[in-house]
Amino acid sequence: MAEFNMTPKYHGFCYSAPNGDILGPNPHRRVRLASTSKLITTLMAIEKLGLDYEYTTSFYYDGENLHIKGDNDPVMSKRKLFFLISQLNNLGITKIKNLTFDKEFKVFSMVEDIAHSEKRPSIELTTKSLKDYFTVSEWNLLKTAYEKFITETPQEVIDELQIRTSLEDIQLSVDSISHVDKNPLKEENLKTYEMISPIIAKYLKIMNIDSNNYIADQVFDKIGGEKEYKKYIEKLVADKFGDYKSLREEFDKKEDNFAFYTGSGLNTTRNGQRVDNYATCAIMVELMKVLDEKLDSITREMQEVVAVPGVDGGTFKTRLNTPRLARSIVAKTGTLKHTSTLLGKVSAEQGDLFFGMFHQMAGWKGNAKIVQNMMVSELLDNYGGPKKFEYKKEFFFPASAPLK
């Protein structure tokens, strides 16, 4: 690393060889995690919810008023809202007197468009989004957006989900919109509908391809946040390493062995001070192995939820994307002010290897990324070269079935 002006002692690199040994320099050094945290959010979501979990948003309609009961679905996006409006029209709902929603229904219409957003959900944002989208007569830019939405959606998806393709067939108006603590509509004569999300595996996949912060932090909150991560990872560290304080380096004496303050890896504040997710390379590689074992135990594969360089694009659009490397790596990048990271698994002829690279540095991160790319390629070469796996990228749509 010296040739790239990077002092090895400030960085953590390690990998788990096919026999399970953790090898490499500084595996137990304290490192900031940045967006590689999202792979641990992936593991926690599978542990707490299951890979096939579906978010269910419920709608209650009494003939003129509509109440929405949310399920903290993190992808209430522009495409999802267009889909919903089309569905309401299919059900004959074109005029709403009072539209109400509870605290579990959250809209961030740009969630699919701005992956690196630091936006947090709010009642005000949800209210404004519903007003803008549910008042079709005032659409201006949204008309163009709807036409683009139809053009970019495969015909088989349009047919299967019964999406209206012509703006002339879209009508919707609403008189008032408000947040409520509970459903204000009387139970008698209520019609009830459900909007089912894709399985969470598909959300985790786009979260990891594009490094979507909003999705990651919403999943983090839903599955219990800091407390649940701490409980789960503490047990793993104790089981794998015993007294880890005797191994770790560059920690303050009273610090925990790790901390996950966010599901995305974004920094946040505690007592007015900036805090970042941190752990060690060895802990992160062990967590990757657990994720792989968990998926294998249910006959699923890592590429279902983690980005595949050379195929998926996203944060790997311009790196590790050569024909030689394509379909031999699953990984997650991470970049913050002082940090450039890479965590993943390579498929080599002599076996699978799990690796972590955590570069702690200020300024330009380009050197770190060059070094990471070189080290991944070298790791594959040292174990017989790439062994490619089957994988084809799928089209993602944020709903799975018509309202029912």
Protein backbone atom coordinates (compact mmCIF):
# COMPACT_ATOMS: atom_id res chain seq x y z
CA MET A 1 0.00 0.00 0.00
CA ALA A 2 2.99 2.29 0.48
CA GLU A 3 3.21 3.05 -3.25
CA PHE A 4 -0.27 4.60 -2.99
CA ASN A 5 0.69 6.77 0.00
CA MET A 6 -1.26 4.56 2.41
CA THR A 7 0.35 3.51 5.69
CA PRO A 8 -0.68 -0.12 6.44
CA LYS A 9 -1.01 0.36 10.20
CA TYR A 10 -3.97 2.73 9.71
CA HIS A 11 -6.01 0.19 7.79
CA GLY A 12 -7.62 -3.20 8.38
CA PHE A 13 -7.56 -6.04 5.85
CA CYS A 14 -8.38 -9.69 6.43
CA TYR A 15 -9.92 -12.71 4.80
CA SER A 16 -11.22 -16.10 5.82
CA ALA A 17 -9.44 -18.87 3.95
CA PRO A 18 -11.37 -21.96 2.78
CA ASN A 19 -10.21 -23.77 5.97
CA GLY A 20 -11.77 -21.02 8.13
CA ASP A 21 -8.59 -19.28 9.30
CA ILE A 22 -8.69 -15.47 9.50
CA LEU A 23 -5.59 -14.14 7.72
CA GLY A 24 -4.21 -10.72 6.83
CA PRO A 25 -2.77 -7.56 8.46
CA ASN A 26 -4.64 -5.80 11.29
CA PRO A 27 -7.71 -8.08 11.41
CA HIS A 28 -8.57 -6.91 14.94
CA ARG A 29 -7.96 -3.18 14.45
CA ARG A 30 -10.86 -0.83 15.18
CA VAL A 31 -12.26 0.36 11.83
CA ARG A 32 -15.17 2.50 10.67
CA LEU A 33 -17.62 0.53 8.55
CA ALA A 34 -19.48 3.04 6.37
CA SER A 35 -21.93 1.33 3.99
CA THR A 36 -20.60 -2.18 4.51
CA SER A 37 -22.95 -1.91 7.52
CA LYS A 38 -25.76 -2.66 5.06
CA LEU A 39 -24.61 -6.27 4.78
CA ILE A 40 -25.16 -6.65 8.51
CA THR A 41 -28.58 -5.03 8.11
CA THR A 42 -29.21 -7.70 5.45
CA LEU A 43 -28.25 -10.45 7.91
CA MET A 44 -30.36 -8.95 10.69
CA ALA A 45 -33.41 -8.59 8.42
CA ILE A 46 -33.17 -12.25 7.44
CA GLU A 47 -32.77 -13.29 11.09
CA LYS A 48 -35.62 -11.14 12.40
CA LEU A 49 -38.12 -11.10 9.52
CA GLY A 50 -37.14 -13.89 7.15
CA LEU A 51 -36.04 -13.59 3.53
CA ASP A 52 -39.61 -13.92 2.22
CA TYR A 53 -41.18 -11.32 4.51
CA GLU A 54 -43.69 -9.06 2.73
CA TYR A 55 -44.79 -5.64 3.91
CA THR A 56 -48.59 -5.29 3.97
CA THR A 57 -50.17 -1.85 3.67
CA SER A 58 -53.93 -1.91 4.41
CA PHE A 59 -56.63 0.39 3.04
CA TYR A 60 -60.08 0.91 4.58
CA TYR A 61 -62.78 2.57 2.46
CA ASP A 62 -66.31 3.51 3.47
CA GLY A 63 -67.54 4.88 0.15
CA GLU A 64 -66.08 8.35 0.51
CA ASN A 65 -63.27 8.27 3.13
CA LEU A 66 -60.03 6.26 2.96
CA HIS A 67 -57.76 5.25 5.84
CA ILE A 68 -54.25 3.82 5.30
CA LYS A 69 -52.65 1.51 7.86
CA GLY A 70 -48.95 1.20 7.19
CA ASP A 71 -46.37 -1.50 7.85
CA ASN A 72 -43.25 0.70 7.67
CA ASP A 73 -42.73 -0.30 4.03
CA PRO A 74 -39.46 1.51 3.15
CA VAL A 75 -40.16 1.73 -0.60
CA MET A 76 -43.22 3.95 -0.77
CA SER A 77 -41.71 5.51 -3.87
CA LYS A 78 -42.88 7.42 -6.93
CA ARG A 79 -43.43 4.15 -8.83
CA LYS A 80 -45.30 2.66 -5.87
CA LEU A 81 -47.57 5.71 -5.64
CA PHE A 82 -48.30 5.61 -9.38
CA PHE A 83 -49.11 1.91 -9.03
CA LEU A 84 -51.38 2.65 -6.04
CA ILE A 85 -53.28 5.40 -7.87
CA SER A 86 -53.86 3.07 -10.81
CA GLN A 87 -55.10 0.37 -8.42
CA LEU A 88 -57.51 2.73 -6.67
CA ASN A 89 -58.93 3.65 -10.07
CA ASN A 90 -59.36 -0.04 -10.88
CA LEU A 91 -61.41 -0.33 -7.68
CA GLY A 92 -63.59 2.63 -8.69
CA ILE A 93 -62.04 4.99 -6.14
CA THR A 94 -61.51 8.37 -7.82
CA LYS A 95 -62.72 10.82 -5.17
CA ILE A 96 -61.72 10.80 -1.51
CA LYS A 97 -63.27 13.14 1.02
CA ASN A 98 -60.99 12.50 4.01
CA LEU A 99 -57.73 10.60 3.59
CA THR A 100 -56.07 9.52 6.85
CA PHE A 101 -52.90 7.55 7.57
CA ASP A 102 -51.16 6.18 10.66
CA LYS A 103 -47.54 6.55 11.83
CA GLU A 104 -46.45 3.32 10.12
CA PHE A 105 -47.29 4.70 6.67
CA LYS A 106 -44.33 6.75 5.44
CA VAL A 107 -43.77 8.21 2.00
CA PHE A 108 -40.45 9.26 0.51
CA SER A 109 -41.29 9.40 -3.18
CA MET A 110 -37.64 9.78 -4.26
CA VAL A 111 -36.40 6.71 -2.35
CA GLU A 112 -35.60 4.82 -5.57
CA ASP A 113 -34.01 7.85 -7.23
CA ILE A 114 -31.69 9.21 -4.53
CA ALA A 115 -29.85 6.26 -3.01
CA HIS A 116 -27.44 8.31 -0.92
CA SER A 117 -30.09 10.52 0.64
CA GLU A 118 -29.94 11.25 4.36
CA LYS A 119 -33.70 11.93 4.40
CA ARG A 120 -35.71 10.71 7.38
CA PRO A 121 -39.47 10.08 7.16
CA SER A 122 -41.91 12.60 8.61
CA ILE A 123 -45.64 13.19 8.82
CA GLU A 124 -45.16 16.45 6.92
CA LEU A 125 -43.31 14.76 4.04
CA THR A 126 -45.93 12.01 3.79
CA THR A 127 -48.80 14.52 3.84
CA LYS A 128 -47.24 16.68 1.12
CA SER A 129 -46.44 13.66 -1.07
CA LEU A 130 -50.00 12.33 -0.81
CA LYS A 131 -51.44 15.75 -1.68
CA ASP A 132 -49.15 16.09 -4.71
CA TYR A 133 -49.78 12.60 -6.08
CA PHE A 134 -53.45 12.19 -5.17
CA THR A 135 -54.50 15.46 -6.82
CA VAL A 136 -54.25 14.30 -10.42
CA SER A 137 -55.88 17.41 -11.87
CA GLU A 138 -52.86 19.45 -10.73
CA TRP A 139 -50.22 17.13 -12.13
CA ASN A 140 -47.66 18.92 -14.24
CA LEU A 141 -44.24 17.32 -13.99
CA LEU A 142 -45.96 14.24 -12.61
CA LYS A 143 -47.71 13.76 -15.96
CA THR A 144 -44.35 13.38 -17.63
CA ALA A 145 -43.15 11.18 -14.78
CA TYR A 146 -46.18 8.88 -15.16
CA GLU A 147 -45.61 8.53 -18.90
CA LYS A 148 -41.94 7.68 -18.22
CA PHE A 149 -43.04 5.18 -15.56
CA ILE A 150 -45.23 3.38 -18.12
CA THR A 151 -42.52 3.44 -20.80
CA GLU A 152 -39.90 1.96 -18.46
CA THR A 153 -42.13 -0.77 -17.01
CA PRO A 154 -42.08 -4.08 -18.93
CA GLN A 155 -45.40 -4.97 -20.55
CA GLU A 156 -45.65 -8.24 -18.62
CA VAL A 157 -45.46 -6.29 -15.34
CA ILE A 158 -48.12 -3.84 -16.53
CA ASP A 159 -50.39 -6.73 -17.49
CA GLU A 160 -49.80 -8.75 -14.33
CA LEU A 161 -50.31 -5.78 -11.98
CA GLN A 162 -53.16 -4.25 -14.00
CA ILE A 163 -51.51 -0.83 -14.31
CA ARG A 164 -53.35 1.82 -16.31
CA THR A 165 -51.20 3.03 -19.18
CA SER A 166 -53.10 6.15 -20.32
CA LEU A 167 -53.24 9.37 -18.35
CA GLU A 168 -56.78 9.82 -19.68
CA ASP A 169 -57.77 6.79 -17.58
CA ILE A 170 -56.32 8.21 -14.36
CA GLN A 171 -58.49 10.27 -12.01
CA LEU A 172 -58.09 11.01 -8.32
CA SER A 173 -58.87 13.88 -5.99
CA VAL A 174 -58.79 14.31 -2.23
CA ASP A 175 -60.38 17.02 -0.07
CA SER A 176 -58.34 16.63 3.12
CA ILE A 177 -55.32 14.62 4.31
CA SER A 178 -54.36 14.04 7.95
CA HIS A 179 -52.32 11.83 10.24
CA VAL A 180 -54.26 9.91 12.91
CA ASP A 181 -53.34 7.53 15.72
CA LYS A 182 -56.03 4.99 14.85
CA ASN A 183 -58.53 4.22 12.12
CA PRO A 184 -61.35 6.79 12.40
CA LEU A 185 -63.77 4.86 10.16
CA LYS A 186 -66.57 2.74 11.58
CA GLU A 187 -66.19 -0.97 10.97
CA GLU A 188 -69.58 -1.59 9.41
CA ASN A 189 -69.72 -1.42 5.61
CA LEU A 190 -65.96 -0.94 5.31
CA LYS A 191 -64.21 -2.33 2.26
CA THR A 192 -60.66 -3.50 3.01
CA TYR A 193 -57.79 -3.86 0.56
CA GLU A 194 -54.14 -4.82 0.92
CA MET A 195 -51.05 -3.74 -1.01
CA ILE A 196 -48.34 -6.40 -0.74
CA SER A 197 -44.68 -5.57 -1.27
CA PRO A 198 -42.16 -7.82 -2.99
CA ILE A 199 -40.36 -10.15 -0.59
CA ILE A 200 -37.83 -8.25 1.51
CA ALA A 201 -34.99 -10.05 -0.29
CA LYS A 202 -35.71 -7.85 -3.32
CA TYR A 203 -35.60 -4.68 -1.17
CA LEU A 204 -32.30 -5.79 0.37
CA LYS A 205 -30.90 -6.43 -3.10
CA ILE A 206 -31.59 -2.92 -4.42
CA MET A 207 -30.45 -1.49 -1.06
CA ASN A 208 -27.08 -3.18 -1.52
CA ILE A 209 -26.67 -2.54 -5.26
CA ASP A 210 -27.27 1.19 -4.97
CA SER A 211 -26.26 1.61 -1.30
CA ASN A 212 -29.69 3.00 -0.44
CA ASN A 213 -29.44 4.69 2.96
CA TYR A 214 -33.15 5.32 3.46
CA ILE A 215 -34.15 1.68 2.96
CA ALA A 216 -31.35 0.48 5.25
CA ASP A 217 -32.28 2.81 8.09
CA GLN A 218 -35.98 2.00 7.81
CA VAL A 219 -35.22 -1.74 7.99
CA PHE A 220 -32.86 -1.06 10.94
CA ASP A 221 -35.67 0.68 12.84
CA LYS A 222 -38.24 -2.00 12.04
CA ILE A 223 -36.11 -4.86 13.39
CA GLY A 224 -35.21 -3.18 16.67
CA GLY A 225 -32.24 -0.95 15.87
CA GLU A 226 -29.14 -0.60 18.01
CA LYS A 227 -30.38 -2.82 20.85
CA GLU A 228 -31.12 -5.85 18.65
CA TYR A 229 -27.87 -5.54 16.68
CA LYS A 230 -25.88 -5.36 19.92
CA LYS A 231 -27.56 -8.43 21.39
CA TYR A 232 -27.05 -10.51 18.24
CA ILE A 233 -23.46 -9.51 17.46
CA GLU A 234 -22.28 -9.71 21.08
CA LYS A 235 -23.21 -13.39 21.13
CA LEU A 236 -21.44 -14.05 17.84
CA VAL A 237 -18.24 -12.30 18.99
CA ALA A 238 -18.25 -14.26 22.27
CA ASP A 239 -18.85 -17.57 20.46
CA LYS A 240 -16.19 -16.97 17.79
CA PHE A 241 -13.47 -15.12 19.70
CA GLY A 242 -14.05 -15.54 23.43
CA ASP A 243 -12.53 -12.56 25.30
CA TYR A 244 -12.16 -10.25 22.32
CA LYS A 245 -10.66 -7.42 24.35
CA SER A 246 -7.43 -9.39 24.51
CA LEU A 247 -7.24 -9.44 20.67
CA ARG A 248 -8.52 -6.05 19.61
CA GLU A 249 -6.35 -3.02 18.79
CA GLU A 250 -6.78 0.78 18.71
CA PHE A 251 -9.85 0.75 20.98
CA ASP A 252 -10.50 2.97 23.98
CA LYS A 253 -10.44 0.88 27.13
CA LYS A 254 -14.17 1.19 27.91
CA GLU A 255 -15.41 0.90 24.33
CA ASP A 256 -17.55 -1.99 23.15
CA ASN A 257 -16.05 -4.29 20.52
CA PHE A 258 -18.43 -2.86 17.91
CA ALA A 259 -21.29 -0.38 17.52
CA PHE A 260 -24.10 -0.08 14.98
CA TYR A 261 -25.82 3.28 15.37
CA THR A 262 -27.49 3.12 11.93
CA GLY A 263 -28.44 0.41 9.48
CA SER A 264 -27.00 2.36 6.56
CA GLY A 265 -23.57 3.16 7.95
CA LEU A 266 -24.26 6.89 7.91
CA ASN A 267 -22.78 8.72 10.86
CA THR A 268 -25.13 10.15 13.46
CA THR A 269 -24.80 11.93 16.83
CA ARG A 270 -24.81 10.90 20.48
CA ASN A 271 -24.71 13.59 23.18
CA GLY A 272 -23.96 16.15 20.50
CA GLN A 273 -20.93 14.25 19.19
CA ARG A 274 -20.49 12.51 15.83
CA VAL A 275 -20.49 8.72 16.03
CA ASP A 276 -19.83 6.14 13.30
CA ASN A 277 -20.55 2.43 13.11
CA TYR A 278 -17.37 0.55 13.95
CA ALA A 279 -16.08 -3.00 14.49
CA THR A 280 -13.04 -4.91 13.24
CA CYS A 281 -12.31 -6.64 9.97
CA ALA A 282 -12.40 -10.03 11.70
CA ILE A 283 -15.85 -9.39 13.21
CA MET A 284 -17.24 -8.23 9.87
CA VAL A 285 -15.83 -11.22 7.99
CA GLU A 286 -17.32 -13.59 10.56
CA LEU A 287 -20.70 -11.87 10.14
CA MET A 288 -20.40 -12.33 6.37
CA LYS A 289 -19.78 -16.03 6.90
CA VAL A 290 -22.88 -16.23 9.11
CA LEU A 291 -24.93 -14.49 6.39
CA ASP A 292 -23.70 -17.02 3.83
CA GLU A 293 -24.39 -19.96 6.15
CA LYS A 294 -27.87 -18.63 6.93
CA LEU A 295 -28.73 -18.34 3.24
CA ASP A 296 -27.26 -21.76 2.49
CA SER A 297 -29.37 -23.32 5.27
CA ILE A 298 -32.55 -22.18 3.50
CA THR A 299 -31.20 -23.12 0.04
CA ARG A 300 -30.77 -19.50 -1.06
CA GLU A 301 -27.66 -17.71 -2.31
CA MET A 302 -25.76 -14.56 -1.47
CA GLN A 303 -26.27 -13.06 -4.94
CA GLU A 304 -30.01 -12.88 -4.22
CA VAL A 305 -29.42 -10.06 -1.72
CA VAL A 306 -25.89 -8.72 -2.39
CA ALA A 307 -24.52 -6.92 -5.47
CA VAL A 308 -22.67 -8.88 -8.15
CA PRO A 309 -19.90 -6.73 -9.70
CA GLY A 310 -19.80 -6.89 -13.47
CA VAL A 311 -23.56 -7.48 -13.72
CA ASP A 312 -25.54 -5.35 -11.26
CA GLY A 313 -23.89 -1.96 -11.77
CA GLY A 314 -24.78 0.41 -8.95
CA THR A 315 -21.73 1.23 -6.82
CA PHE A 316 -19.74 -1.29 -8.90
CA LYS A 317 -20.57 0.36 -12.21
CA THR A 318 -16.94 1.40 -12.77
CA ARG A 319 -14.99 -1.13 -10.71
CA LEU A 320 -14.39 -4.90 -10.48
CA ASN A 321 -16.50 -5.18 -13.63
CA THR A 322 -14.18 -6.92 -16.10
CA PRO A 323 -15.36 -10.06 -17.91
CA ARG A 324 -12.70 -12.02 -16.00
CA LEU A 325 -14.13 -11.03 -12.59
CA ALA A 326 -17.85 -10.83 -13.43
CA ARG A 327 -19.99 -13.40 -11.58
CA SER A 328 -17.20 -14.41 -9.20
CA ILE A 329 -17.70 -11.77 -6.49
CA VAL A 330 -20.53 -10.58 -4.23
CA ALA A 331 -19.64 -7.47 -2.27
CA LYS A 332 -20.60 -4.13 -0.77
CA THR A 333 -18.69 -0.87 -0.99
CA GLY A 334 -18.59 1.87 1.61
CA THR A 335 -17.45 5.49 1.50
CA LEU A 336 -17.65 8.23 4.12
CA LYS A 337 -15.55 11.28 4.93
CA HIS A 338 -12.65 9.35 6.47
CA THR A 339 -13.40 5.87 5.22
CA SER A 340 -13.31 3.64 2.14
CA THR A 341 -14.39 0.04 2.66
CA LEU A 342 -15.16 -3.17 0.79
CA LEU A 343 -16.68 -6.33 2.27
CA GLY A 344 -17.67 -9.48 0.44
CA LYS A 345 -17.05 -12.98 -0.80
CA VAL A 346 -15.10 -14.29 -3.79
CA SER A 347 -15.70 -17.56 -5.57
CA ALA A 348 -12.31 -19.11 -6.37
CA GLU A 349 -11.41 -22.47 -7.87
CA GLN A 350 -9.99 -23.60 -4.50
CA GLY A 351 -13.04 -22.46 -2.53
CA ASP A 352 -14.99 -19.45 -1.32
CA LEU A 353 -13.19 -16.70 0.58
CA PHE A 354 -14.74 -13.95 2.68
CA PHE A 355 -12.83 -10.68 2.86
CA GLY A 356 -12.90 -7.20 4.35
CA MET A 357 -10.90 -4.07 3.47
CA PHE A 358 -11.26 -1.03 5.68
CA HIS A 359 -9.17 2.00 4.77
CA GLN A 360 -9.21 4.84 7.28
CA MET A 361 -8.12 8.02 5.56
CA ALA A 362 -8.96 11.66 4.88
CA GLY A 363 -9.16 13.24 1.45
CA TRP A 364 -9.47 11.48 -1.91
CA LYS A 365 -10.55 7.82 -1.68
CA GLY A 366 -9.40 6.83 -5.18
CA ASN A 367 -6.15 5.24 -4.01
CA ALA A 368 -8.04 3.06 -1.53
CA LYS A 369 -10.40 1.81 -4.24
CA ILE A 370 -7.47 1.01 -6.54
CA VAL A 371 -5.79 -0.96 -3.76
CA GLN A 372 -9.05 -2.78 -2.93
CA ASN A 373 -9.57 -3.79 -6.56
CA MET A 374 -6.01 -5.07 -6.81
CA MET A 375 -6.30 -7.04 -3.56
CA VAL A 376 -9.54 -8.73 -4.60
CA SER A 377 -8.00 -9.76 -7.93
CA GLU A 378 -4.86 -11.03 -6.17
CA LEU A 379 -6.93 -12.95 -3.64
CA LEU A 380 -8.70 -14.79 -6.45
CA ASP A 381 -5.41 -15.52 -8.21
CA ASN A 382 -3.86 -16.92 -5.02
CA TYR A 383 -6.65 -19.49 -4.79
CA GLY A 384 -6.73 -20.74 -8.37
CA GLY A 385 -8.52 -17.89 -10.12
CA PRO A 386 -12.23 -16.99 -10.44
CA LYS A 387 -14.88 -19.71 -10.36
CA LYS A 388 -17.96 -18.18 -11.93
CA PHE A 389 -21.49 -18.74 -10.63
CA GLU A 390 -24.84 -18.51 -12.44
CA TYR A 391 -26.54 -15.15 -12.07
CA LYS A 392 -28.89 -12.96 -14.10
CA LYS A 393 -30.06 -9.53 -13.04
CA GLU A 394 -33.82 -9.19 -12.54
CA PHE A 395 -36.14 -6.24 -13.12
CA PHE A 396 -37.27 -4.77 -9.79
CA PHE A 397 -40.76 -3.40 -9.21
CA PRO A 398 -41.88 -2.21 -5.74
CA ALA A 399 -45.22 -4.06 -5.68
CA SER A 400 -45.98 -7.74 -6.16
CA ALA A 401 -49.72 -8.01 -6.87
CA PRO A 402 -52.83 -5.91 -7.55
CA LEU A 403 -54.64 -4.54 -4.49
CA LYS A 404 -56.83 -7.28 -3.11
